[in-house]
PDB file of N, CA and C in Angstrom:
ATOM      1  N   UNK A   1       4.452 -26.739  -8.218  1.00  0.00           N
ATOM      2  CA  UNK A   1       4.095 -25.293  -7.839  1.00  0.00           C
ATOM      3  C   UNK A   1       2.583 -25.649  -7.214  1.00  0.00           C
ATOM      4  N   UNK A   2       1.818 -25.867  -7.993  1.00  0.00           N
ATOM      5  CA  UNK A   2       0.391 -26.202  -7.659  1.00  0.00           C
ATOM      6  C   UNK A   2      -0.047 -26.777  -7.090  1.00  0.00           C
ATOM      7  N   UNK A   3       0.922 -27.996  -6.485  1.00  0.00           N
ATOM      8  CA  UNK A   3       0.874 -28.594  -5.270  1.00  0.00           C
ATOM      9  C   UNK A   3       1.412 -27.855  -4.349  1.00  0.00           C
ATOM     10  N   UNK A   4       1.725 -26.555  -4.108  1.00  0.00           N
ATOM     11  CA  UNK A   4       2.131 -25.863  -3.019  1.00  0.00           C
ATOM     12  C   UNK A   4       0.695 -25.200  -2.763  1.00  0.00           C
ATOM     13  N   UNK A   5      -0.097 -25.576  -3.496  1.00  0.00           N
ATOM     14  CA  UNK A   5      -1.824 -24.878  -2.484  1.00  0.00           C
ATOM     15  C   UNK A   5      -2.096 -26.113  -1.601  1.00  0.00           C
ATOM     16  N   UNK A   6      -1.904 -26.919  -1.515  1.00  0.00           N
ATOM     17  CA  UNK A   6      -2.259 -28.119  -0.734  1.00  0.00           C
ATOM     18  C   UNK A   6      -1.516 -28.648   0.410  1.00  0.00           C
ATOM     19  N   UNK A   7      -0.226 -27.963   0.175  1.00  0.00           N
ATOM     20  CA  UNK A   7       0.738 -28.438   1.471  1.00  0.00           C
ATOM     21  C   UNK A   7       0.077 -27.146   2.338  1.00  0.00           C
ATOM     22  N   UNK A   8       0.628 -28.194   4.072  1.00  0.00           N
ATOM     23  CA  UNK A   8       0.537 -27.368   5.421  1.00  0.00           C
ATOM     24  C   UNK A   8       2.034 -26.572   5.551  1.00  0.00           C
ATOM     25  N   UNK A   9       1.296 -25.370   5.799  1.00  0.00           N
ATOM     26  CA  UNK A   9       2.091 -24.362   6.363  1.00  0.00           C
ATOM     27  C   UNK A   9       2.885 -24.762   7.320  1.00  0.00           C
ATOM     28  N   UNK A  10       4.299 -24.548   7.989  1.00  0.00           N
ATOM     29  CA  UNK A  10       5.063 -24.582   9.022  1.00  0.00           C
ATOM     30  C   UNK A  10       4.104 -23.384   9.948  1.00  0.00           C
ATOM     31  N   UNK A  11       4.082 -23.627  11.134  1.00  0.00           N
ATOM     32  CA  UNK A  11       3.688 -22.477  12.316  1.00  0.00           C
ATOM     33  C   UNK A  11       4.540 -21.848  12.873  1.00  0.00           C
ATOM     34  N   UNK A  12       4.560 -20.553  12.348  1.00  0.00           N
ATOM     35  CA  UNK A  12       5.412 -19.510  12.913  1.00  0.00           C
ATOM     36  C   UNK A  12       5.572 -19.519  14.586  1.00  0.00           C
ATOM     37  N   UNK A  13       6.948 -19.380  14.597  1.00  0.00           N
ATOM     38  CA  UNK A  13       7.236 -18.808  16.050  1.00  0.00           C
ATOM     39  C   UNK A  13       6.416 -17.767  16.824  1.00  0.00           C
ATOM     40  N   UNK A  14       6.088 -17.610  17.814  1.00  0.00           N
ATOM     41  CA  UNK A  14       5.484 -16.490  18.749  1.00  0.00           C
ATOM     42  C   UNK A  14       6.581 -15.245  18.589  1.00  0.00           C
ATOM     43  N   UNK A  15       6.537 -13.972  18.219  1.00  0.00           N
ATOM     44  CA  UNK A  15       7.341 -13.722  18.831  1.00  0.00           C
ATOM     45  C   UNK A  15       7.510 -12.935  19.946  1.00  0.00           C
ATOM     46  N   UNK A  16       8.992 -12.901  19.926  1.00  0.00           N
ATOM     47  CA  UNK A  16       9.733 -12.486  21.512  1.00  0.00           C
ATOM     48  C   UNK A  16       9.001 -11.201  22.537  1.00  0.00           C
ATOM     49  N   UNK A  17       8.848 -10.943  23.750  1.00  0.00           N
ATOM     50  CA  UNK A  17       8.880  -9.492  23.885  1.00  0.00           C
ATOM     51  C   UNK A  17       9.098  -8.288  23.239  1.00  0.00           C
ATOM     52  N   UNK A  18      10.660  -8.514  23.048  1.00  0.00           N
ATOM     53  CA  UNK A  18      11.434  -7.156  22.487  1.00  0.00           C
ATOM     54  C   UNK A  18      10.881  -7.102  20.946  1.00  0.00           C
ATOM     55  N   UNK A  19      10.727  -8.415  20.225  1.00  0.00           N
ATOM     56  CA  UNK A  19      10.030  -8.309  18.909  1.00  0.00           C
ATOM     57  C   UNK A  19       8.798  -7.760  18.721  1.00  0.00           C
ATOM     58  N   UNK A  20       8.389  -8.050  19.577  1.00  0.00           N
ATOM     59  CA  UNK A  20       6.739  -7.120  20.415  1.00  0.00           C
ATOM     60  C   UNK A  20       6.797  -5.872  19.889  1.00  0.00           C
ATOM     61  N   UNK A  21       7.099  -5.696  20.835  1.00  0.00           N
ATOM     62  CA  UNK A  21       7.957  -4.074  20.938  1.00  0.00           C
ATOM     63  C   UNK A  21       8.324  -3.197  20.252  1.00  0.00           C
ATOM     64  N   UNK A  22       9.045  -4.233  19.286  1.00  0.00           N
ATOM     65  CA  UNK A  22       9.669  -3.256  18.182  1.00  0.00           C
ATOM     66  C   UNK A  22       8.705  -2.962  17.195  1.00  0.00           C
ATOM     67  N   UNK A  23       7.494  -4.124  17.224  1.00  0.00           N
ATOM     68  CA  UNK A  23       6.842  -4.226  15.750  1.00  0.00           C
ATOM     69  C   UNK A  23       5.668  -3.114  16.287  1.00  0.00           C
ATOM     70  N   UNK A  24       6.047  -2.865  17.402  1.00  0.00           N
ATOM     71  CA  UNK A  24       4.363  -2.056  17.735  1.00  0.00           C
ATOM     72  C   UNK A  24       4.867  -0.649  17.788  1.00  0.00           C
ATOM     73  N   UNK A  25       6.264  -0.266  18.109  1.00  0.00           N
ATOM     74  CA  UNK A  25       6.949   0.912  17.596  1.00  0.00           C
ATOM     75  C   UNK A  25       7.025   1.237  16.309  1.00  0.00           C
ATOM     76  N   UNK A  26       7.716   0.353  15.573  1.00  0.00           N
ATOM     77  CA  UNK A  26       7.310   0.708  14.126  1.00  0.00           C
ATOM     78  C   UNK A  26       6.239   0.961  13.121  1.00  0.00           C
ATOM     79  N   UNK A  27       4.996  -0.170  13.764  1.00  0.00           N
ATOM     80  CA  UNK A  27       3.634   0.488  13.741  1.00  0.00           C
ATOM     81  C   UNK A  27       2.934   1.631  14.246  1.00  0.00           C
ATOM     82  N   UNK A  28       3.274   2.022  15.503  1.00  0.00           N
ATOM     83  CA  UNK A  28       2.881   3.451  15.276  1.00  0.00           C
ATOM     84  C   UNK A  28       3.648   4.272  14.649  1.00  0.00           C
ATOM     85  N   UNK A  29       4.771   4.381  14.376  1.00  0.00           N
ATOM     86  CA  UNK A  29       5.191   5.249  13.351  1.00  0.00           C
ATOM     87  C   UNK A  29       4.427   4.967  11.742  1.00  0.00           C
ATOM     88  N   UNK A  30       4.232   4.095  11.500  1.00  0.00           N
ATOM     89  CA  UNK A  30       3.872   4.119   9.784  1.00  0.00           C
ATOM     90  C   UNK A  30       2.161   4.789  10.121  1.00  0.00           C
ATOM     91  N   UNK A  31       1.506   4.566  10.939  1.00  0.00           N
ATOM     92  CA  UNK A  31       0.574   5.228  11.244  1.00  0.00           C
ATOM     93  C   UNK A  31       0.431   6.210  11.584  1.00  0.00           C
ATOM     94  N   UNK A  32       1.467   6.993  12.420  1.00  0.00           N
ATOM     95  CA  UNK A  32       1.366   8.605  12.494  1.00  0.00           C
ATOM     96  C   UNK A  32       1.627   9.184  11.397  1.00  0.00           C
ATOM     97  N   UNK A  33       2.933   8.449  10.351  1.00  0.00           N
ATOM     98  CA  UNK A  33       3.170   9.097   9.582  1.00  0.00           C
ATOM     99  C   UNK A  33       1.892   9.293   8.340  1.00  0.00           C
ATOM    100  N   UNK A  34       1.038   7.969   7.987  1.00  0.00           N
ATOM    101  CA  UNK A  34      -0.056   7.911   7.277  1.00  0.00           C
ATOM    102  C   UNK A  34      -0.901   9.483   7.636  1.00  0.00           C
ATOM    103  N   UNK A  35      -1.313   9.079   9.011  1.00  0.00           N
ATOM    104  CA  UNK A  35      -2.110  10.273   9.701  1.00  0.00           C
ATOM    105  C   UNK A  35      -1.567  11.511   9.370  1.00  0.00           C
ATOM    106  N   UNK A  36      -0.588  11.944   9.330  1.00  0.00           N
ATOM    107  CA  UNK A  36      -0.184  13.057   8.783  1.00  0.00           C
ATOM    108  C   UNK A  36      -0.204  13.416   7.600  1.00  0.00           C
ATOM    109  N   UNK A  37       0.284  12.688   6.229  1.00  0.00           N
ATOM    110  CA  UNK A  37       0.053  12.351   5.405  1.00  0.00           C
ATOM    111  C   UNK A  37      -1.795  12.200   4.999  1.00  0.00           C
ATOM    112  N   UNK A  38      -2.217  11.777   5.226  1.00  0.00           N
ATOM    113  CA  UNK A  38      -3.654  12.312   5.162  1.00  0.00           C
ATOM    114  C   UNK A  38      -3.981  13.895   4.971  1.00  0.00           C
ATOM    115  N   UNK A  39      -3.605  13.754   6.101  1.00  0.00           N
ATOM    116  CA  UNK A  39      -4.418  15.131   6.743  1.00  0.00           C
ATOM    117  C   UNK A  39      -4.072  16.498   5.846  1.00  0.00           C
ATOM    118  N   UNK A  40      -2.214  16.648   5.480  1.00  0.00           N
ATOM    119  CA  UNK A  40      -1.995  17.198   4.047  1.00  0.00           C
ATOM    120  C   UNK A  40      -2.452  17.426   3.076  1.00  0.00           C
ATOM    121  N   UNK A  41      -2.790  15.923   2.355  1.00  0.00           N
ATOM    122  CA  UNK A  41      -3.344  15.733   1.690  1.00  0.00           C
ATOM    123  C   UNK A  41      -5.321  16.364   1.613  1.00  0.00           C
ATOM    124  N   UNK A  42      -5.475  16.648   2.144  1.00  0.00           N
ATOM    125  CA  UNK A  42      -6.863  16.770   2.766  1.00  0.00           C
ATOM    126  C   UNK A  42      -6.795  18.337   2.616  1.00  0.00           C
ATOM    127  N   UNK A  43      -5.916  19.093   2.993  1.00  0.00           N
ATOM    128  CA  UNK A  43      -5.947  20.435   3.441  1.00  0.00           C
ATOM    129  C   UNK A  43      -6.312  20.884   2.186  1.00  0.00           C
ATOM    130  N   UNK A  44      -5.056  20.127   1.088  1.00  0.00           N
ATOM    131  CA  UNK A  44      -4.524  20.649   0.149  1.00  0.00           C
ATOM    132  C   UNK A  44      -5.894  20.112  -1.165  1.00  0.00           C
ATOM    133  N   UNK A  45      -6.989  19.208  -0.646  1.00  0.00           N
ATOM    134  CA  UNK A  45      -8.211  19.269  -1.955  1.00  0.00           C
ATOM    135  C   UNK A  45      -9.229  19.642  -1.063  1.00  0.00           C
ATOM    136  N   UNK A  46      -9.178  20.154  -0.174  1.00  0.00           N
ATOM    137  CA  UNK A  46     -10.652  20.583   0.874  1.00  0.00           C
ATOM    138  C   UNK A  46     -11.768  21.239  -0.151  1.00  0.00           C
ATOM    139  N   UNK A  47     -10.818  22.395  -1.203  1.00  0.00           N
ATOM    140  CA  UNK A  47     -11.985  23.216  -1.819  1.00  0.00           C
ATOM    141  C   UNK A  47     -12.434  22.277  -3.289  1.00  0.00           C
ATOM    142  N   UNK A  48     -11.445  21.138  -3.640  1.00  0.00           N
ATOM    143  CA  UNK A  48     -12.056  20.673  -4.531  1.00  0.00           C
ATOM    144  C   UNK A  48     -13.590  20.117  -4.705  1.00  0.00           C
ATOM    145  N   UNK A  49     -13.710  20.407  -5.996  1.00  0.00           N
ATOM    146  CA  UNK A  49     -15.170  19.495  -5.864  1.00  0.00           C
ATOM    147  C   UNK A  49     -15.484  17.975  -6.224  1.00  0.00           C
ATOM    148  N   UNK A  50     -16.361  17.228  -6.404  1.00  0.00           N
ATOM    149  CA  UNK A  50     -16.646  15.679  -6.816  1.00  0.00           C
ATOM    150  C   UNK A  50     -15.695  15.788  -8.055  1.00  0.00           C
ATOM    151  N   UNK A  51     -16.048  16.494  -8.903  1.00  0.00           N
ATOM    152  CA  UNK A  51     -15.559  16.232 -10.418  1.00  0.00           C
ATOM    153  C   UNK A  51     -14.263  16.321 -10.576  1.00  0.00           C
ATOM    154  N   UNK A  52     -13.129  17.205 -10.006  1.00  0.00           N
ATOM    155  CA  UNK A  52     -12.112  17.192  -9.472  1.00  0.00           C
ATOM    156  C   UNK A  52     -11.031  16.081  -9.207  1.00  0.00           C
ATOM    157  N   UNK A  53     -11.963  15.892  -8.220  1.00  0.00           N
ATOM    158  CA  UNK A  53     -11.497  14.573  -7.433  1.00  0.00           C
ATOM    159  C   UNK A  53     -11.215  13.572  -8.948  1.00  0.00           C
ATOM    160  N   UNK A  54     -12.391  13.113  -9.024  1.00  0.00           N
ATOM    161  CA  UNK A  54     -12.574  11.698  -9.638  1.00  0.00           C
ATOM    162  C   UNK A  54     -11.865  12.179 -10.867  1.00  0.00           C
ATOM    163  N   UNK A  55     -11.453  13.523 -11.557  1.00  0.00           N
ATOM    164  CA  UNK A  55     -10.083  13.262 -12.621  1.00  0.00           C
ATOM    165  C   UNK A  55      -9.171  12.946 -12.219  1.00  0.00           C
ATOM    166  N   UNK A  56      -8.633  13.660 -11.188  1.00  0.00           N
ATOM    167  CA  UNK A  56      -7.709  13.366 -10.515  1.00  0.00           C
ATOM    168  C   UNK A  56      -7.306  11.679 -10.381  1.00  0.00           C
ATOM    169  N   UNK A  57      -8.895  11.131  -9.580  1.00  0.00           N
ATOM    170  CA  UNK A  57      -8.603   9.479  -9.508  1.00  0.00           C
ATOM    171  C   UNK A  57      -7.718   8.772 -10.610  1.00  0.00           C
ATOM    172  N   UNK A  58      -9.260   8.935 -11.697  1.00  0.00           N
ATOM    173  CA  UNK A  58      -8.775   8.783 -12.968  1.00  0.00           C
ATOM    174  C   UNK A  58      -7.770   8.672 -14.218  1.00  0.00           C
ATOM    175  N   UNK A  59      -7.032   9.297 -13.598  1.00  0.00           N
ATOM    176  CA  UNK A  59      -5.650  10.294 -14.261  1.00  0.00           C
ATOM    177  C   UNK A  59      -4.730   9.048 -13.430  1.00  0.00           C
ATOM    178  N   UNK A  60      -4.419   9.181 -11.866  1.00  0.00           N
ATOM    179  CA  UNK A  60      -3.732   8.794 -11.300  1.00  0.00           C
ATOM    180  C   UNK A  60      -3.930   6.450 -11.832  1.00  0.00           C
ATOM    181  N   UNK A  61      -5.139   6.398 -12.023  1.00  0.00           N
ATOM    182  CA  UNK A  61      -5.538   5.215 -11.827  1.00  0.00           C
ATOM    183  C   UNK A  61      -4.914   5.041 -13.167  1.00  0.00           C
ATOM    184  N   UNK A  62      -4.881   5.522 -14.661  1.00  0.00           N
ATOM    185  CA  UNK A  62      -4.272   5.860 -16.206  1.00  0.00           C
ATOM    186  C   UNK A  62      -3.259   5.575 -15.943  1.00  0.00           C
ATOM    187  N   UNK A  63      -2.246   6.249 -15.177  1.00  0.00           N
ATOM    188  CA  UNK A  63      -0.671   6.648 -15.463  1.00  0.00           C
ATOM    189  C   UNK A  63      -0.330   5.561 -14.814  1.00  0.00           C
ATOM    190  N   UNK A  64      -0.472   4.739 -13.407  1.00  0.00           N
ATOM    191  CA  UNK A  64      -0.061   3.381 -12.361  1.00  0.00           C
ATOM    192  C   UNK A  64      -0.382   2.398 -12.981  1.00  0.00           C
ATOM    193  N   UNK A  65      -1.741   2.665 -13.847  1.00  0.00           N
ATOM    194  CA  UNK A  65      -1.986   1.001 -15.020  1.00  0.00           C
ATOM    195  C   UNK A  65      -1.084   1.050 -16.115  1.00  0.00           C
ATOM    196  N   UNK A  66      -0.861   2.107 -16.900  1.00  0.00           N
ATOM    197  CA  UNK A  66       0.139   2.052 -18.221  1.00  0.00           C
ATOM    198  C   UNK A  66       1.441   1.510 -17.582  1.00  0.00           C
ATOM    199  N   UNK A  67       2.168   2.543 -16.833  1.00  0.00           N
ATOM    200  CA  UNK A  67       3.627   2.060 -16.068  1.00  0.00           C
ATOM    201  C   UNK A  67       3.144   0.262 -15.405  1.00  0.00           C
ATOM    202  N   UNK A  68       1.752   0.269 -15.062  1.00  0.00           N
ATOM    203  CA  UNK A  68       2.492  -1.265 -14.699  1.00  0.00           C
ATOM    204  C   UNK A  68       2.260  -2.335 -16.231  1.00  0.00           C
ATOM    205  N   UNK A  69       1.402  -1.939 -17.044  1.00  0.00           N
ATOM    206  CA  UNK A  69       1.076  -2.584 -18.126  1.00  0.00           C
ATOM    207  C   UNK A  69       2.754  -2.234 -18.948  1.00  0.00           C
ATOM    208  N   UNK A  70       2.710  -1.226 -19.196  1.00  0.00           N
ATOM    209  CA  UNK A  70       4.674  -1.460 -19.825  1.00  0.00           C
ATOM    210  C   UNK A  70       5.498  -2.214 -19.274  1.00  0.00           C
ATOM    211  N   UNK A  71       5.438  -2.465 -17.278  1.00  0.00           N
ATOM    212  CA  UNK A  71       6.561  -3.108 -17.121  1.00  0.00           C
ATOM    213  C   UNK A  71       6.500  -4.704 -17.335  1.00  0.00           C
ATOM    214  N   UNK A  72       5.145  -5.210 -17.179  1.00  0.00           N
ATOM    215  CA  UNK A  72       4.541  -6.286 -17.405  1.00  0.00           C
ATOM    216  C   UNK A  72       4.886  -6.569 -18.791  1.00  0.00           C
ATOM    217  N   UNK A  73       5.181  -5.918 -20.277  1.00  0.00           N
ATOM    218  CA  UNK A  73       5.188  -6.261 -21.447  1.00  0.00           C
ATOM    219  C   UNK A  73       6.407  -5.757 -21.628  1.00  0.00           C
ATOM    220  N   UNK A  74       7.505  -5.157 -20.626  1.00  0.00           N
ATOM    221  CA  UNK A  74       8.727  -5.353 -20.708  1.00  0.00           C
ATOM    222  C   UNK A  74       9.378  -6.906 -20.067  1.00  0.00           C
ATOM    223  N   UNK A  75       8.917  -7.424 -19.201  1.00  0.00           N
ATOM    224  CA  UNK A  75       9.409  -8.395 -18.515  1.00  0.00           C
ATOM    225  C   UNK A  75       8.822  -9.831 -19.684  1.00  0.00           C
ATOM    226  N   UNK A  76       8.159  -9.528 -20.284  1.00  0.00           N
ATOM    227  CA  UNK A  76       8.064 -10.882 -21.337  1.00  0.00           C
ATOM    228  C   UNK A  76       8.857 -10.815 -22.264  1.00  0.00           C
ATOM    229  N   UNK A  77       9.835  -9.765 -22.632  1.00  0.00           N
ATOM    230  CA  UNK A  77      10.494 -10.007 -23.708  1.00  0.00           C
ATOM    231  C   UNK A  77      11.982 -10.229 -22.727  1.00  0.00           C
TER     232      UNK A  77
END
């Protein structure tokens, strides 16, 4: 496993024109959706003060950190 760090990876073939076009469409859909969600969240929190935003960030970090720790502990058993 450690020796895998020193192996050369095979070079990937370049994408065909059709694949490039499909990848571009997928990327544009993802970017558009991310922009819509960001705008929605900005509208919802535009009147929040800095302390409220920091508290929300702390809570999100605690929740996701706790879930991650729980999953790690369950995976070890």
